[in-house]
Amino acid sequence: MTNPVEQAGFRCGRNYTDQVLSLTTHIEAAFQKKLKTVAVLIDLLAAYDTVWRQGLVYKLMKAVPCRKIVGLLNSMLSNREFMVFLGDSESRIKKLNNGLPQGSVLAPLLLNLYLHDIPETQSRKFMYADDIALASQHETFKPSEGILNEDLSILDKCFRKWRLVPNTAKNEVTAFHLANQNGKIRAHC
């Protein structure tokens, strides 16, 4: 398994500043060419907590075709028990069969594996862990609107298949341009 080049999260020698710098450079280069950049910023809702275990096991088998290792990881992720303590009160024991254990050294690696096959898009993609930015550049907004809507449709199919949910409260669409009177765009996310 290889991480997509767009993914900077939890990779040796890479961090979020790489993606901020890459996106900023991409936008500034468009200014030099008199292009407008439209970006869609996507945050996946509780990505660590919602990783579908059976989907992860499937992806693990493709990446690490060793039944013993995959079986061990599946066992570690299955039937995890927890309870909540609040003052003198405690909840009943609950079981988790999906999601990744918070604080585990394996969790970032497993999240990267789970997200490594996000499909190709026409727009340029920037990723950091569970945050995705799509950027499209053209002389006018209309082509970017169409391309980004197509890309969002592609990602939506992927997200549904792997039970990932975009966080609609945090998702944003924004335009970077030097012609403020032409700033109205419509993207469906």
N, C-alpha and C. Protein backbone atom coordinates (compact mmCIF):
# COMPACT_ATOMS: atom_id res chain seq x y z
N MET A 1 0.84 -1.18 0.00
CA MET A 1 0.00 0.00 0.00
C MET A 1 0.89 1.24 0.00
N THR A 2 0.56 2.15 -0.86
CA THR A 2 1.25 3.43 -0.84
C THR A 2 0.22 4.52 -0.58
N ASN A 3 0.62 5.50 0.19
CA ASN A 3 -0.25 6.64 0.43
C ASN A 3 -0.29 7.49 -0.83
N PRO A 4 -1.42 8.07 -1.12
CA PRO A 4 -1.43 9.00 -2.26
C PRO A 4 -0.51 10.18 -1.96
N VAL A 5 0.11 10.71 -3.00
CA VAL A 5 1.03 11.82 -2.82
C VAL A 5 0.32 13.00 -2.18
N GLU A 6 -1.01 13.10 -2.37
CA GLU A 6 -1.77 14.21 -1.80
C GLU A 6 -1.87 14.14 -0.28
N GLN A 7 -1.66 12.96 0.32
CA GLN A 7 -1.85 12.78 1.75
C GLN A 7 -0.58 13.15 2.51
N ALA A 8 -0.67 14.13 3.38
CA ALA A 8 0.48 14.53 4.19
C ALA A 8 0.31 14.10 5.64
N GLY A 9 -0.87 13.64 6.02
CA GLY A 9 -1.12 13.29 7.41
C GLY A 9 -0.41 12.02 7.85
N PHE A 10 0.27 12.11 8.98
CA PHE A 10 0.90 10.96 9.63
C PHE A 10 1.92 10.26 8.73
N ARG A 11 2.65 11.07 7.99
CA ARG A 11 3.70 10.53 7.13
C ARG A 11 5.02 11.16 7.54
N CYS A 12 6.06 10.36 7.53
CA CYS A 12 7.38 10.81 7.94
C CYS A 12 7.81 12.02 7.10
N GLY A 13 8.22 13.08 7.79
CA GLY A 13 8.72 14.27 7.13
C GLY A 13 7.64 15.15 6.50
N ARG A 14 6.36 14.86 6.76
CA ARG A 14 5.27 15.66 6.18
C ARG A 14 4.36 16.11 7.32
N ASN A 15 3.71 17.26 7.14
CA ASN A 15 2.74 17.72 8.13
C ASN A 15 1.75 18.66 7.48
N TYR A 16 0.85 19.21 8.27
CA TYR A 16 -0.22 20.04 7.73
C TYR A 16 0.32 21.29 7.04
N THR A 17 1.46 21.80 7.50
CA THR A 17 2.00 23.01 6.87
C THR A 17 2.39 22.76 5.42
N ASP A 18 2.79 21.51 5.11
CA ASP A 18 3.09 21.18 3.71
C ASP A 18 1.86 21.42 2.84
N GLN A 19 0.69 21.01 3.33
CA GLN A 19 -0.53 21.15 2.54
C GLN A 19 -0.98 22.60 2.46
N VAL A 20 -0.85 23.34 3.54
CA VAL A 20 -1.21 24.76 3.52
C VAL A 20 -0.31 25.49 2.51
N LEU A 21 0.98 25.21 2.56
CA LEU A 21 1.92 25.84 1.63
C LEU A 21 1.63 25.41 0.19
N SER A 22 1.37 24.14 -0.03
CA SER A 22 1.08 23.65 -1.39
C SER A 22 -0.18 24.30 -1.95
N LEU A 23 -1.24 24.37 -1.16
CA LEU A 23 -2.48 24.99 -1.62
C LEU A 23 -2.27 26.50 -1.87
N THR A 24 -1.58 27.16 -0.97
CA THR A 24 -1.32 28.59 -1.13
C THR A 24 -0.50 28.85 -2.40
N THR A 25 0.52 28.04 -2.62
CA THR A 25 1.35 28.18 -3.82
C THR A 25 0.53 27.93 -5.08
N HIS A 26 -0.35 26.94 -5.02
CA HIS A 26 -1.23 26.62 -6.14
C HIS A 26 -2.13 27.82 -6.47
N ILE A 27 -2.69 28.43 -5.46
CA ILE A 27 -3.57 29.59 -5.64
C ILE A 27 -2.79 30.79 -6.18
N GLU A 28 -1.62 31.06 -5.61
CA GLU A 28 -0.81 32.18 -6.05
C GLU A 28 -0.33 32.00 -7.49
N ALA A 29 -0.01 30.78 -7.88
CA ALA A 29 0.41 30.51 -9.26
C ALA A 29 -0.74 30.81 -10.22
N ALA A 30 -1.97 30.53 -9.79
CA ALA A 30 -3.14 30.84 -10.62
C ALA A 30 -3.30 32.35 -10.78
N PHE A 31 -3.04 33.11 -9.73
CA PHE A 31 -3.11 34.57 -9.83
C PHE A 31 -2.17 35.08 -10.92
N GLN A 32 -0.97 34.50 -10.97
CA GLN A 32 0.02 34.92 -11.97
C GLN A 32 -0.48 34.65 -13.39
N LYS A 33 -1.32 33.63 -13.55
CA LYS A 33 -1.87 33.26 -14.87
C LYS A 33 -3.25 33.86 -15.10
N LYS A 34 -3.68 34.73 -14.15
CA LYS A 34 -5.00 35.36 -14.21
C LYS A 34 -6.14 34.32 -14.18
N LEU A 35 -5.93 33.27 -13.39
CA LEU A 35 -6.94 32.23 -13.21
C LEU A 35 -7.61 32.40 -11.85
N LYS A 36 -8.82 31.88 -11.77
CA LYS A 36 -9.57 31.87 -10.52
C LYS A 36 -9.51 30.46 -9.94
N THR A 37 -9.32 30.36 -8.64
CA THR A 37 -9.29 29.06 -7.97
C THR A 37 -10.54 28.93 -7.13
N VAL A 38 -11.25 27.82 -7.32
CA VAL A 38 -12.39 27.50 -6.46
C VAL A 38 -11.97 26.27 -5.67
N ALA A 39 -12.14 26.34 -4.37
CA ALA A 39 -11.74 25.23 -3.49
C ALA A 39 -12.92 24.76 -2.66
N VAL A 40 -13.00 23.45 -2.51
CA VAL A 40 -13.97 22.81 -1.62
C VAL A 40 -13.16 22.17 -0.50
N LEU A 41 -13.46 22.55 0.73
CA LEU A 41 -12.75 22.03 1.90
C LEU A 41 -13.68 21.06 2.61
N ILE A 42 -13.25 19.81 2.72
CA ILE A 42 -14.09 18.74 3.26
C ILE A 42 -13.46 18.19 4.53
N ASP A 43 -14.25 18.12 5.57
CA ASP A 43 -13.85 17.49 6.83
C ASP A 43 -14.72 16.26 7.00
N LEU A 44 -14.09 15.13 7.29
CA LEU A 44 -14.87 13.91 7.52
C LEU A 44 -15.28 13.86 8.99
N LEU A 45 -16.56 13.65 9.22
CA LEU A 45 -17.14 13.65 10.56
C LEU A 45 -16.62 12.48 11.38
N ALA A 46 -15.97 12.78 12.48
CA ALA A 46 -15.51 11.76 13.43
C ALA A 46 -14.86 10.57 12.73
N ALA A 47 -13.94 10.85 11.82
CA ALA A 47 -13.35 9.79 10.99
C ALA A 47 -12.76 8.65 11.81
N TYR A 48 -12.01 8.98 12.85
CA TYR A 48 -11.42 7.92 13.68
C TYR A 48 -12.49 7.04 14.31
N ASP A 49 -13.56 7.67 14.76
CA ASP A 49 -14.60 6.94 15.49
C ASP A 49 -15.52 6.14 14.58
N THR A 50 -15.53 6.45 13.29
CA THR A 50 -16.50 5.81 12.41
C THR A 50 -15.88 4.87 11.38
N VAL A 51 -14.57 4.63 11.46
CA VAL A 51 -13.96 3.69 10.51
C VAL A 51 -14.69 2.36 10.61
N TRP A 52 -15.19 1.91 9.48
CA TRP A 52 -15.94 0.66 9.40
C TRP A 52 -14.95 -0.50 9.47
N ARG A 53 -15.01 -1.26 10.55
CA ARG A 53 -14.02 -2.32 10.81
C ARG A 53 -13.95 -3.34 9.70
N GLN A 54 -15.08 -3.82 9.20
CA GLN A 54 -15.05 -4.83 8.14
C GLN A 54 -14.43 -4.27 6.86
N GLY A 55 -14.69 -2.99 6.56
CA GLY A 55 -14.06 -2.37 5.41
C GLY A 55 -12.56 -2.24 5.60
N LEU A 56 -12.14 -1.89 6.82
CA LEU A 56 -10.72 -1.78 7.12
C LEU A 56 -10.04 -3.15 7.00
N VAL A 57 -10.68 -4.19 7.50
CA VAL A 57 -10.12 -5.55 7.40
C VAL A 57 -9.96 -5.93 5.93
N TYR A 58 -10.93 -5.60 5.12
CA TYR A 58 -10.84 -5.88 3.68
C TYR A 58 -9.62 -5.17 3.08
N LYS A 59 -9.46 -3.90 3.43
CA LYS A 59 -8.32 -3.14 2.89
C LYS A 59 -7.00 -3.66 3.46
N LEU A 60 -7.00 -4.08 4.71
CA LEU A 60 -5.80 -4.67 5.31
C LEU A 60 -5.39 -5.94 4.57
N MET A 61 -6.35 -6.78 4.22
CA MET A 61 -6.05 -8.03 3.51
C MET A 61 -5.43 -7.74 2.14
N LYS A 62 -5.84 -6.67 1.51
CA LYS A 62 -5.26 -6.31 0.22
C LYS A 62 -3.85 -5.76 0.39
N ALA A 63 -3.61 -5.01 1.47
CA ALA A 63 -2.31 -4.38 1.69
C ALA A 63 -1.31 -5.31 2.36
N VAL A 64 -1.80 -6.13 3.29
CA VAL A 64 -0.95 -7.05 4.06
C VAL A 64 -1.58 -8.44 3.97
N PRO A 65 -1.32 -9.17 2.90
CA PRO A 65 -2.01 -10.45 2.72
C PRO A 65 -1.52 -11.55 3.66
N CYS A 66 -1.52 -11.24 4.94
CA CYS A 66 -1.14 -12.23 5.96
C CYS A 66 -2.32 -12.37 6.92
N ARG A 67 -2.99 -13.50 6.86
CA ARG A 67 -4.19 -13.70 7.67
C ARG A 67 -3.92 -13.56 9.17
N LYS A 68 -2.75 -13.96 9.64
CA LYS A 68 -2.45 -13.87 11.07
C LYS A 68 -2.37 -12.41 11.53
N ILE A 69 -1.69 -11.58 10.77
CA ILE A 69 -1.57 -10.17 11.15
C ILE A 69 -2.93 -9.48 11.07
N VAL A 70 -3.64 -9.72 9.98
CA VAL A 70 -4.96 -9.11 9.82
C VAL A 70 -5.90 -9.62 10.91
N GLY A 71 -5.83 -10.91 11.22
CA GLY A 71 -6.66 -11.49 12.29
C GLY A 71 -6.35 -10.85 13.64
N LEU A 72 -5.08 -10.62 13.92
CA LEU A 72 -4.68 -9.97 15.17
C LEU A 72 -5.25 -8.55 15.24
N LEU A 73 -5.09 -7.79 14.15
CA LEU A 73 -5.61 -6.42 14.13
C LEU A 73 -7.14 -6.42 14.24
N ASN A 74 -7.79 -7.33 13.56
CA ASN A 74 -9.25 -7.43 13.65
C ASN A 74 -9.68 -7.73 15.09
N SER A 75 -8.96 -8.62 15.73
CA SER A 75 -9.26 -8.96 17.12
C SER A 75 -9.06 -7.75 18.04
N MET A 76 -8.01 -6.96 17.77
CA MET A 76 -7.75 -5.77 18.58
C MET A 76 -8.84 -4.71 18.40
N LEU A 77 -9.48 -4.69 17.22
CA LEU A 77 -10.48 -3.68 16.93
C LEU A 77 -11.91 -4.14 17.23
N SER A 78 -12.08 -5.40 17.59
CA SER A 78 -13.41 -5.97 17.82
C SER A 78 -13.77 -5.97 19.29
N ASN A 79 -15.04 -5.72 19.57
CA ASN A 79 -15.58 -5.84 20.92
C ASN A 79 -14.78 -5.10 21.98
N ARG A 80 -14.31 -3.90 21.63
CA ARG A 80 -13.62 -3.08 22.63
C ARG A 80 -14.66 -2.54 23.59
N GLU A 81 -14.39 -2.66 24.87
CA GLU A 81 -15.36 -2.24 25.89
C GLU A 81 -14.96 -0.90 26.50
N PHE A 82 -15.97 -0.12 26.84
CA PHE A 82 -15.72 1.14 27.52
C PHE A 82 -16.90 1.48 28.41
N MET A 83 -16.64 2.35 29.36
CA MET A 83 -17.70 2.91 30.20
C MET A 83 -17.31 4.32 30.57
N VAL A 84 -18.30 5.11 30.91
CA VAL A 84 -18.08 6.52 31.22
C VAL A 84 -18.28 6.73 32.71
N PHE A 85 -17.34 7.46 33.31
CA PHE A 85 -17.42 7.81 34.72
C PHE A 85 -17.65 9.31 34.80
N LEU A 86 -18.66 9.72 35.57
CA LEU A 86 -18.95 11.13 35.77
C LEU A 86 -19.24 11.33 37.25
N GLY A 87 -18.27 11.92 37.94
CA GLY A 87 -18.41 12.06 39.39
C GLY A 87 -18.45 10.68 40.03
N ASP A 88 -19.52 10.42 40.80
CA ASP A 88 -19.69 9.12 41.45
C ASP A 88 -20.51 8.16 40.60
N SER A 89 -20.93 8.59 39.43
CA SER A 89 -21.77 7.76 38.56
C SER A 89 -20.93 7.10 37.47
N GLU A 90 -21.42 5.96 37.02
CA GLU A 90 -20.77 5.27 35.90
C GLU A 90 -21.83 4.68 34.99
N SER A 91 -21.50 4.63 33.72
CA SER A 91 -22.44 4.06 32.75
C SER A 91 -22.30 2.55 32.71
N ARG A 92 -23.20 1.94 31.98
CA ARG A 92 -23.05 0.50 31.72
C ARG A 92 -21.89 0.30 30.75
N ILE A 93 -21.36 -0.89 30.70
CA ILE A 93 -20.30 -1.22 29.74
C ILE A 93 -20.90 -1.27 28.35
N LYS A 94 -20.25 -0.60 27.42
CA LYS A 94 -20.66 -0.60 26.00
C LYS A 94 -19.54 -1.24 25.19
N LYS A 95 -19.93 -1.79 24.04
CA LYS A 95 -18.94 -2.41 23.15
C LYS A 95 -18.84 -1.62 21.86
N LEU A 96 -17.62 -1.49 21.37
CA LEU A 96 -17.35 -0.84 20.10
C LEU A 96 -16.85 -1.88 19.10
N ASN A 97 -17.42 -1.86 17.91
CA ASN A 97 -16.94 -2.75 16.86
C ASN A 97 -16.49 -1.98 15.63
N ASN A 98 -16.60 -0.69 15.67
CA ASN A 98 -16.11 0.16 14.59
C ASN A 98 -15.26 1.26 15.20
N GLY A 99 -14.55 1.97 14.36
CA GLY A 99 -13.70 3.05 14.84
C GLY A 99 -12.32 2.56 15.21
N LEU A 100 -11.45 3.51 15.45
CA LEU A 100 -10.07 3.21 15.82
C LEU A 100 -9.84 3.66 17.26
N PRO A 101 -9.03 2.92 18.02
CA PRO A 101 -8.79 3.29 19.41
C PRO A 101 -8.05 4.62 19.52
N GLN A 102 -8.64 5.56 20.24
CA GLN A 102 -8.02 6.88 20.43
C GLN A 102 -6.71 6.72 21.18
N GLY A 103 -5.68 7.39 20.70
CA GLY A 103 -4.38 7.36 21.37
C GLY A 103 -3.51 6.18 20.97
N SER A 104 -4.04 5.25 20.21
CA SER A 104 -3.25 4.11 19.77
C SER A 104 -2.21 4.56 18.76
N VAL A 105 -1.00 4.00 18.85
CA VAL A 105 0.03 4.35 17.88
C VAL A 105 -0.31 3.81 16.49
N LEU A 106 -1.16 2.80 16.42
CA LEU A 106 -1.55 2.25 15.13
C LEU A 106 -2.69 3.03 14.46
N ALA A 107 -3.46 3.79 15.23
CA ALA A 107 -4.64 4.45 14.69
C ALA A 107 -4.33 5.36 13.49
N PRO A 108 -3.30 6.22 13.54
CA PRO A 108 -3.02 7.06 12.36
C PRO A 108 -2.65 6.23 11.13
N LEU A 109 -1.86 5.18 11.32
CA LEU A 109 -1.49 4.32 10.20
C LEU A 109 -2.74 3.64 9.62
N LEU A 110 -3.61 3.15 10.49
CA LEU A 110 -4.83 2.48 10.02
C LEU A 110 -5.77 3.48 9.34
N LEU A 111 -5.83 4.71 9.82
CA LEU A 111 -6.66 5.72 9.15
C LEU A 111 -6.11 6.01 7.76
N ASN A 112 -4.79 6.14 7.64
CA ASN A 112 -4.19 6.36 6.32
C ASN A 112 -4.50 5.20 5.38
N LEU A 113 -4.42 3.98 5.89
CA LEU A 113 -4.76 2.82 5.07
C LEU A 113 -6.22 2.89 4.62
N TYR A 114 -7.08 3.26 5.54
CA TYR A 114 -8.51 3.31 5.22
C TYR A 114 -8.81 4.37 4.16
N LEU A 115 -8.04 5.45 4.16
CA LEU A 115 -8.29 6.55 3.22
C LEU A 115 -7.36 6.53 2.00
N HIS A 116 -6.45 5.57 1.92
CA HIS A 116 -5.44 5.62 0.86
C HIS A 116 -6.00 5.48 -0.54
N ASP A 117 -7.18 4.94 -0.69
CA ASP A 117 -7.72 4.72 -2.03
C ASP A 117 -8.84 5.69 -2.39
N ILE A 118 -8.81 6.87 -1.79
CA ILE A 118 -9.75 7.92 -2.20
C ILE A 118 -9.55 8.10 -3.70
N PRO A 119 -10.63 8.12 -4.48
CA PRO A 119 -10.47 8.13 -5.94
C PRO A 119 -9.82 9.40 -6.49
N GLU A 120 -9.28 9.24 -7.69
CA GLU A 120 -8.71 10.38 -8.42
C GLU A 120 -9.82 11.38 -8.71
N THR A 121 -9.44 12.64 -8.79
CA THR A 121 -10.38 13.72 -9.11
C THR A 121 -9.79 14.56 -10.23
N GLN A 122 -10.66 15.26 -10.95
CA GLN A 122 -10.18 16.18 -11.97
C GLN A 122 -9.48 17.38 -11.33
N SER A 123 -10.03 17.82 -10.21
CA SER A 123 -9.43 18.95 -9.50
C SER A 123 -8.23 18.45 -8.70
N ARG A 124 -7.37 19.37 -8.35
CA ARG A 124 -6.19 19.01 -7.56
C ARG A 124 -6.63 18.73 -6.12
N LYS A 125 -6.07 17.69 -5.54
CA LYS A 125 -6.47 17.26 -4.21
C LYS A 125 -5.32 17.48 -3.23
N PHE A 126 -5.67 17.98 -2.04
CA PHE A 126 -4.73 18.16 -0.94
C PHE A 126 -5.36 17.47 0.26
N MET A 127 -4.60 16.58 0.93
CA MET A 127 -5.17 15.85 2.07
C MET A 127 -4.24 15.94 3.27
N TYR A 128 -4.87 16.08 4.44
CA TYR A 128 -4.16 15.92 5.69
C TYR A 128 -5.07 15.12 6.61
N ALA A 129 -4.68 13.89 6.87
CA ALA A 129 -5.49 12.96 7.67
C ALA A 129 -6.89 12.88 7.08
N ASP A 130 -7.91 13.35 7.80
CA ASP A 130 -9.29 13.23 7.33
C ASP A 130 -9.82 14.53 6.73
N ASP A 131 -8.94 15.47 6.44
CA ASP A 131 -9.32 16.73 5.81
C ASP A 131 -8.88 16.71 4.35
N ILE A 132 -9.79 17.10 3.47
CA ILE A 132 -9.53 17.05 2.03
C ILE A 132 -9.87 18.41 1.43
N ALA A 133 -8.98 18.93 0.60
CA ALA A 133 -9.26 20.15 -0.16
C ALA A 133 -9.18 19.80 -1.64
N LEU A 134 -10.20 20.21 -2.39
CA LEU A 134 -10.20 20.07 -3.84
C LEU A 134 -10.10 21.47 -4.41
N ALA A 135 -9.22 21.67 -5.38
CA ALA A 135 -9.06 23.00 -5.98
C ALA A 135 -9.08 22.89 -7.49
N SER A 136 -9.90 23.72 -8.11
CA SER A 136 -10.00 23.76 -9.57
C SER A 136 -9.71 25.19 -10.02
N GLN A 137 -8.97 25.31 -11.13
CA GLN A 137 -8.57 26.63 -11.61
C GLN A 137 -8.94 26.82 -13.08
N HIS A 138 -9.57 27.96 -13.36
CA HIS A 138 -9.95 28.32 -14.72
C HIS A 138 -10.06 29.83 -14.83
N GLU A 139 -10.25 30.31 -16.05
CA GLU A 139 -10.40 31.75 -16.27
C GLU A 139 -11.72 32.27 -15.72
N THR A 140 -12.75 31.43 -15.72
CA THR A 140 -14.05 31.80 -15.17
C THR A 140 -14.46 30.75 -14.13
N PHE A 141 -15.50 31.04 -13.37
CA PHE A 141 -15.94 30.13 -12.32
C PHE A 141 -16.71 28.92 -12.85
N LYS A 142 -17.40 29.08 -13.96
CA LYS A 142 -18.30 28.04 -14.46
C LYS A 142 -17.62 26.67 -14.64
N PRO A 143 -16.46 26.59 -15.33
CA PRO A 143 -15.83 25.27 -15.48
C PRO A 143 -15.47 24.62 -14.13
N SER A 144 -14.98 25.44 -13.21
CA SER A 144 -14.63 24.90 -11.89
C SER A 144 -15.85 24.38 -11.16
N GLU A 145 -16.98 25.09 -11.31
CA GLU A 145 -18.22 24.65 -10.67
C GLU A 145 -18.60 23.26 -11.15
N GLY A 146 -18.55 23.04 -12.47
CA GLY A 146 -18.90 21.73 -13.02
C GLY A 146 -17.94 20.64 -12.59
N ILE A 147 -16.64 20.94 -12.67
CA ILE A 147 -15.62 19.95 -12.29
C ILE A 147 -15.74 19.58 -10.82
N LEU A 148 -15.88 20.58 -9.95
CA LEU A 148 -15.97 20.29 -8.52
C LEU A 148 -17.24 19.52 -8.18
N ASN A 149 -18.34 19.83 -8.85
CA ASN A 149 -19.57 19.05 -8.60
C ASN A 149 -19.39 17.60 -9.03
N GLU A 150 -18.71 17.37 -10.16
CA GLU A 150 -18.42 15.99 -10.59
C GLU A 150 -17.52 15.29 -9.58
N ASP A 151 -16.48 15.99 -9.13
CA ASP A 151 -15.55 15.41 -8.16
C ASP A 151 -16.25 15.10 -6.84
N LEU A 152 -17.13 15.99 -6.41
CA LEU A 152 -17.88 15.74 -5.17
C LEU A 152 -18.78 14.53 -5.32
N SER A 153 -19.33 14.33 -6.49
CA SER A 153 -20.16 13.15 -6.74
C SER A 153 -19.32 11.88 -6.66
N ILE A 154 -18.12 11.92 -7.23
CA ILE A 154 -17.21 10.77 -7.16
C ILE A 154 -16.84 10.47 -5.71
N LEU A 155 -16.49 11.51 -4.96
CA LEU A 155 -16.12 11.31 -3.56
C LEU A 155 -17.31 10.83 -2.74
N ASP A 156 -18.51 11.35 -3.04
CA ASP A 156 -19.71 10.93 -2.32
C ASP A 156 -19.93 9.42 -2.46
N LYS A 157 -19.74 8.89 -3.66
CA LYS A 157 -19.88 7.43 -3.88
C LYS A 157 -18.87 6.67 -3.04
N CYS A 158 -17.63 7.16 -3.02
CA CYS A 158 -16.59 6.53 -2.21
C CYS A 158 -16.94 6.59 -0.73
N PHE A 159 -17.35 7.77 -0.27
CA PHE A 159 -17.69 7.94 1.14
C PHE A 159 -18.83 7.01 1.54
N ARG A 160 -19.83 6.90 0.70
CA ARG A 160 -20.96 6.01 1.02
C ARG A 160 -20.52 4.56 1.08
N LYS A 161 -19.70 4.15 0.12
CA LYS A 161 -19.22 2.77 0.08
C LYS A 161 -18.45 2.41 1.36
N TRP A 162 -17.61 3.33 1.83
CA TRP A 162 -16.76 3.05 2.98
C TRP A 162 -17.30 3.66 4.28
N ARG A 163 -18.56 4.09 4.25
CA ARG A 163 -19.27 4.58 5.43
C ARG A 163 -18.59 5.78 6.10
N LEU A 164 -18.11 6.68 5.28
CA LEU A 164 -17.53 7.93 5.75
C LEU A 164 -18.56 9.03 5.55
N VAL A 165 -18.60 9.99 6.46
CA VAL A 165 -19.61 11.04 6.41
C VAL A 165 -18.93 12.41 6.44
N PRO A 166 -19.14 13.20 5.39
CA PRO A 166 -18.61 14.57 5.44
C PRO A 166 -19.33 15.38 6.51
N ASN A 167 -18.58 16.22 7.19
CA ASN A 167 -19.13 17.05 8.26
C ASN A 167 -19.69 18.34 7.64
N THR A 168 -20.98 18.36 7.38
CA THR A 168 -21.59 19.50 6.69
C THR A 168 -21.44 20.80 7.47
N ALA A 169 -21.26 20.74 8.77
CA ALA A 169 -21.08 21.94 9.57
C ALA A 169 -19.71 22.57 9.35
N LYS A 170 -18.74 21.79 8.88
CA LYS A 170 -17.38 22.30 8.70
C LYS A 170 -16.97 22.43 7.23
N ASN A 171 -17.69 21.82 6.31
CA ASN A 171 -17.32 21.89 4.90
C ASN A 171 -17.50 23.31 4.38
N GLU A 172 -16.63 23.72 3.48
CA GLU A 172 -16.65 25.08 2.94
C GLU A 172 -16.37 25.06 1.45
N VAL A 173 -16.94 26.02 0.75
CA VAL A 173 -16.60 26.29 -0.64
C VAL A 173 -16.13 27.74 -0.68
N THR A 174 -14.99 27.98 -1.31
CA THR A 174 -14.47 29.34 -1.36
C THR A 174 -13.79 29.58 -2.70
N ALA A 175 -13.72 30.83 -3.08
CA ALA A 175 -13.08 31.22 -4.33
C ALA A 175 -11.93 32.16 -4.04
N PHE A 176 -10.85 31.99 -4.77
CA PHE A 176 -9.68 32.85 -4.66
C PHE A 176 -9.47 33.48 -6.04
N HIS A 177 -9.61 34.79 -6.09
CA HIS A 177 -9.54 35.47 -7.39
C HIS A 177 -9.19 36.93 -7.17
N LEU A 178 -8.89 37.59 -8.26
CA LEU A 178 -8.54 39.00 -8.19
C LEU A 178 -9.65 39.88 -8.75
N ALA A 179 -10.79 39.28 -9.11
CA ALA A 179 -11.92 40.02 -9.69
C ALA A 179 -13.12 39.89 -8.77
N ASN A 180 -13.18 40.72 -7.73
CA ASN A 180 -14.21 40.59 -6.70
C ASN A 180 -15.64 40.70 -7.21
N GLN A 181 -15.89 41.42 -8.29
CA GLN A 181 -17.26 41.56 -8.79
C GLN A 181 -17.78 40.25 -9.38
N ASN A 182 -16.92 39.27 -9.64
CA ASN A 182 -17.34 38.01 -10.25
C ASN A 182 -17.30 36.86 -9.24
N GLY A 183 -17.43 37.12 -7.96
CA GLY A 183 -17.18 36.13 -6.93
C GLY A 183 -18.30 35.18 -6.59
N LYS A 184 -19.46 35.26 -7.25
CA LYS A 184 -20.56 34.36 -6.86
C LYS A 184 -20.44 33.03 -7.60
N ILE A 185 -20.41 31.94 -6.81
CA ILE A 185 -20.33 30.59 -7.39
C ILE A 185 -21.37 29.71 -6.72
N ARG A 186 -21.67 28.61 -7.36
CA ARG A 186 -22.61 27.65 -6.79
C ARG A 186 -21.98 26.26 -6.85
N ALA A 187 -21.67 25.69 -5.72
CA ALA A 187 -21.19 24.32 -5.67
C ALA A 187 -22.12 23.55 -4.73
N HIS A 188 -22.36 22.33 -5.06
CA HIS A 188 -23.29 21.51 -4.27
C HIS A 188 -22.48 20.50 -3.46
N CYS A 189 -22.42 20.73 -2.12
CA CYS A 189 -21.69 19.76 -1.30
C CYS A 189 -22.50 19.39 -0.09
